[in-house]
Amino acid sequence: MMMGYGFDGPLGWLGMIIGMVVHLAFVGLIVLAVIWMFRAVFPGKSDDSTPASLEILKQRFAKGEISRDEYQQLKQDLA
């Protein structure tokens, strides 16, 4: 008989399963904490990469998609 090494404790196999679940939950929390800290230290690219409205208007005018009068009117509306 191996004292203390079997599954004949008060909970038996259930105790082992509960222990594994608790262990996996603890490891999962550690992984989530590391991911959260990594994102806090190295923030991703913000959504500022889209051109501003006035810049789009200038591009459309430069391409000839809108006339000078339309450009002036839209520029005034945006301001």
Protein backbone atom coordinates (compact mmCIF):
# COMPACT_ATOMS: atom_id res chain seq x y z
CA MET A 1 0.00 0.00 0.00
CA MET A 2 1.36 3.42 -0.99
CA MET A 3 0.36 5.86 1.71
CA GLY A 4 -0.74 9.22 0.31
CA TYR A 5 -0.07 8.44 -3.34
CA GLY A 6 -3.37 6.84 -4.37
CA PHE A 7 -6.78 8.23 -5.09
CA ASP A 8 -8.36 6.89 -1.93
CA GLY A 9 -8.60 10.25 -0.14
CA PRO A 10 -11.83 11.81 1.04
CA LEU A 11 -12.77 12.91 -2.51
CA GLY A 12 -10.91 10.31 -4.59
CA TRP A 13 -11.01 10.94 -8.32
CA LEU A 14 -13.33 13.90 -7.87
CA GLY A 15 -10.65 15.67 -5.81
CA MET A 16 -8.13 15.14 -8.57
CA ILE A 17 -10.51 16.49 -11.22
CA ILE A 18 -11.37 19.54 -9.10
CA GLY A 19 -7.66 20.15 -8.52
CA MET A 20 -6.96 20.01 -12.26
CA VAL A 21 -9.79 22.44 -13.03
CA VAL A 22 -8.56 24.88 -10.37
CA HIS A 23 -5.01 24.58 -11.68
CA LEU A 24 -6.09 25.22 -15.30
CA ALA A 25 -8.19 28.21 -14.21
CA PHE A 26 -5.21 29.64 -12.35
CA VAL A 27 -2.92 29.19 -15.35
CA GLY A 28 -5.58 30.74 -17.60
CA LEU A 29 -5.78 33.79 -15.34
CA ILE A 30 -2.02 34.18 -15.46
CA VAL A 31 -2.04 33.99 -19.27
CA LEU A 32 -4.85 36.59 -19.47
CA ALA A 33 -2.95 38.88 -17.08
CA VAL A 34 0.19 38.63 -19.23
CA ILE A 35 -1.81 39.42 -22.39
CA TRP A 36 -3.50 42.38 -20.68
CA MET A 37 -0.14 43.76 -19.49
CA PHE A 38 1.38 43.30 -22.95
CA ARG A 39 -1.48 45.25 -24.54
CA ALA A 40 -1.15 47.98 -21.91
CA VAL A 41 2.58 48.38 -22.56
CA PHE A 42 2.39 48.05 -26.36
CA PRO A 43 -0.90 49.60 -27.48
CA GLY A 44 -2.01 48.75 -31.00
CA LYS A 45 -2.37 51.10 -33.88
CA SER A 46 -5.20 53.52 -33.29
CA ASP A 47 -7.93 54.23 -35.82
CA ASP A 48 -6.32 57.56 -36.77
CA SER A 49 -5.03 56.03 -40.00
CA THR A 50 -8.14 57.10 -41.91
CA PRO A 51 -7.70 60.41 -43.71
CA ALA A 52 -9.51 63.42 -42.36
CA SER A 53 -12.56 64.75 -44.14
CA LEU A 54 -10.77 67.83 -45.40
CA GLU A 55 -7.95 65.69 -46.77
CA ILE A 56 -10.44 63.55 -48.70
CA LEU A 57 -12.06 66.71 -50.03
CA LYS A 58 -8.68 68.02 -51.21
CA GLN A 59 -7.94 64.72 -52.95
CA ARG A 60 -11.30 64.71 -54.71
CA PHE A 61 -10.73 68.28 -55.90
CA ALA A 62 -7.22 67.43 -57.09
CA LYS A 63 -8.54 64.45 -59.07
CA GLY A 64 -11.17 66.64 -60.71
CA GLU A 65 -14.11 64.74 -59.18
CA ILE A 66 -15.66 67.98 -57.90
CA SER A 67 -15.65 71.54 -59.23
CA ARG A 68 -14.09 74.56 -57.52
CA ASP A 69 -17.49 75.80 -56.39
CA GLU A 70 -18.37 72.42 -54.91
CA TYR A 71 -14.97 72.30 -53.20
CA GLN A 72 -15.45 75.74 -51.66
CA GLN A 73 -18.99 74.91 -50.50
CA LEU A 74 -18.00 71.55 -48.98
CA LYS A 75 -14.94 73.09 -47.34
CA GLN A 76 -17.15 75.76 -45.77
CA ASP A 77 -19.63 73.08 -44.60
CA LEU A 78 -16.86 71.08 -42.94
CA ALA A 79 -15.43 74.11 -41.14
